[in-house]
Amino acid sequence: MAADEKAQAKGEQVEGKVKKVVGGAVGNESMKAEGRADETKGDLRQAKEKAKDAIKE
């Protein structure tokens, strides 16, 4: 997995988790949903990079 893509995926996952927690704490469903979306985006990016690595081998 490319280092920059890996870092970006991890950043999206962390950002999503933070938004989910903060949104839940303050009762902001929109922020909570945005956090879930960001986290999922990071998960998908990570899966894509892992698949690319598997194909290369």
C-alpha atoms as a PDB file:
ATOM      1  CA  MET A   1       0.000   0.000   0.000  1.00  0.00           C
ATOM      2  CA  ALA A   2       1.386   3.391  -0.938  1.00  0.00           C
ATOM      3  CA  ALA A   3       2.442   5.294   2.155  1.00  0.00           C
ATOM      4  CA  ASP A   4       0.534   8.450   1.236  1.00  0.00           C
ATOM      5  CA  GLU A   5      -2.666   6.539   0.491  1.00  0.00           C
ATOM      6  CA  LYS A   6      -2.297   4.555   3.711  1.00  0.00           C
ATOM      7  CA  ALA A   7      -1.878   7.758   5.714  1.00  0.00           C
ATOM      8  CA  GLN A   8      -4.849   9.366   3.995  1.00  0.00           C
ATOM      9  CA  ALA A   9      -7.029   6.324   4.702  1.00  0.00           C
ATOM     10  CA  LYS A  10      -6.012   6.328   8.368  1.00  0.00           C
ATOM     11  CA  GLY A  11      -6.658  10.071   8.607  1.00  0.00           C
ATOM     12  CA  GLU A  12     -10.149   9.677   7.175  1.00  0.00           C
ATOM     13  CA  GLN A  13     -10.880   6.831   9.575  1.00  0.00           C
ATOM     14  CA  VAL A  14      -9.720   8.827  12.607  1.00  0.00           C
ATOM     15  CA  GLU A  15     -11.533  11.973  11.493  1.00  0.00           C
ATOM     16  CA  GLY A  16     -14.707   9.969  10.994  1.00  0.00           C
ATOM     17  CA  LYS A  17     -14.482   8.406  14.443  1.00  0.00           C
ATOM     18  CA  VAL A  18     -13.970  11.807  16.060  1.00  0.00           C
ATOM     19  CA  LYS A  19     -16.955  13.295  14.223  1.00  0.00           C
ATOM     20  CA  LYS A  20     -19.119  10.321  15.213  1.00  0.00           C
ATOM     21  CA  VAL A  21     -18.224  10.677  18.884  1.00  0.00           C
ATOM     22  CA  VAL A  22     -18.583  14.463  18.966  1.00  0.00           C
ATOM     23  CA  GLY A  23     -21.837  14.341  17.002  1.00  0.00           C
ATOM     24  CA  GLY A  24     -23.225  11.760  19.402  1.00  0.00           C
ATOM     25  CA  ALA A  25     -22.086  13.726  22.444  1.00  0.00           C
ATOM     26  CA  VAL A  26     -23.727  16.969  21.351  1.00  0.00           C
ATOM     27  CA  GLY A  27     -26.752  15.332  19.752  1.00  0.00           C
ATOM     28  CA  ASN A  28     -25.889  16.449  16.212  1.00  0.00           C
ATOM     29  CA  GLU A  29     -27.115  13.658  13.945  1.00  0.00           C
ATOM     30  CA  SER A  30     -25.772  15.384  10.838  1.00  0.00           C
ATOM     31  CA  MET A  31     -22.230  15.438  12.219  1.00  0.00           C
ATOM     32  CA  LYS A  32     -22.584  11.856  13.400  1.00  0.00           C
ATOM     33  CA  ALA A  33     -23.682  10.744   9.914  1.00  0.00           C
ATOM     34  CA  GLU A  34     -20.838  12.690   8.309  1.00  0.00           C
ATOM     35  CA  GLY A  35     -18.442  10.917  10.645  1.00  0.00           C
ATOM     36  CA  ARG A  36     -19.773   7.517   9.616  1.00  0.00           C
ATOM     37  CA  ALA A  37     -19.357   8.513   5.965  1.00  0.00           C
ATOM     38  CA  ASP A  38     -15.766   9.690   6.494  1.00  0.00           C
ATOM     39  CA  GLU A  39     -14.891   6.526   8.376  1.00  0.00           C
ATOM     40  CA  THR A  40     -16.385   4.360   5.637  1.00  0.00           C
ATOM     41  CA  LYS A  41     -14.508   6.340   3.000  1.00  0.00           C
ATOM     42  CA  GLY A  42     -11.256   5.612   4.832  1.00  0.00           C
ATOM     43  CA  ASP A  43     -12.144   1.938   5.152  1.00  0.00           C
ATOM     44  CA  LEU A  44     -12.843   1.704   1.426  1.00  0.00           C
ATOM     45  CA  ARG A  45      -9.615   3.503   0.516  1.00  0.00           C
ATOM     46  CA  GLN A  46      -7.669   1.098   2.742  1.00  0.00           C
ATOM     47  CA  ALA A  47      -9.384  -1.932   1.189  1.00  0.00           C
ATOM     48  CA  LYS A  48      -8.647  -0.622  -2.315  1.00  0.00           C
ATOM     49  CA  GLU A  49      -4.960  -0.215  -1.528  1.00  0.00           C
ATOM     50  CA  LYS A  50      -4.767  -3.682   0.025  1.00  0.00           C
ATOM     51  CA  ALA A  51      -6.377  -5.158  -3.080  1.00  0.00           C
ATOM     52  CA  LYS A  52      -3.879  -3.337  -5.319  1.00  0.00           C
ATOM     53  CA  ASP A  53      -1.022  -4.709  -3.209  1.00  0.00           C
ATOM     54  CA  ALA A  54      -2.412  -8.238  -3.429  1.00  0.00           C
ATOM     55  CA  ILE A  55      -2.609  -8.011  -7.222  1.00  0.00           C
ATOM     56  CA  LYS A  56       0.996  -6.819  -7.481  1.00  0.00           C
ATOM     57  CA  GLU A  57       2.275  -9.872  -5.624  1.00  0.00           C
END
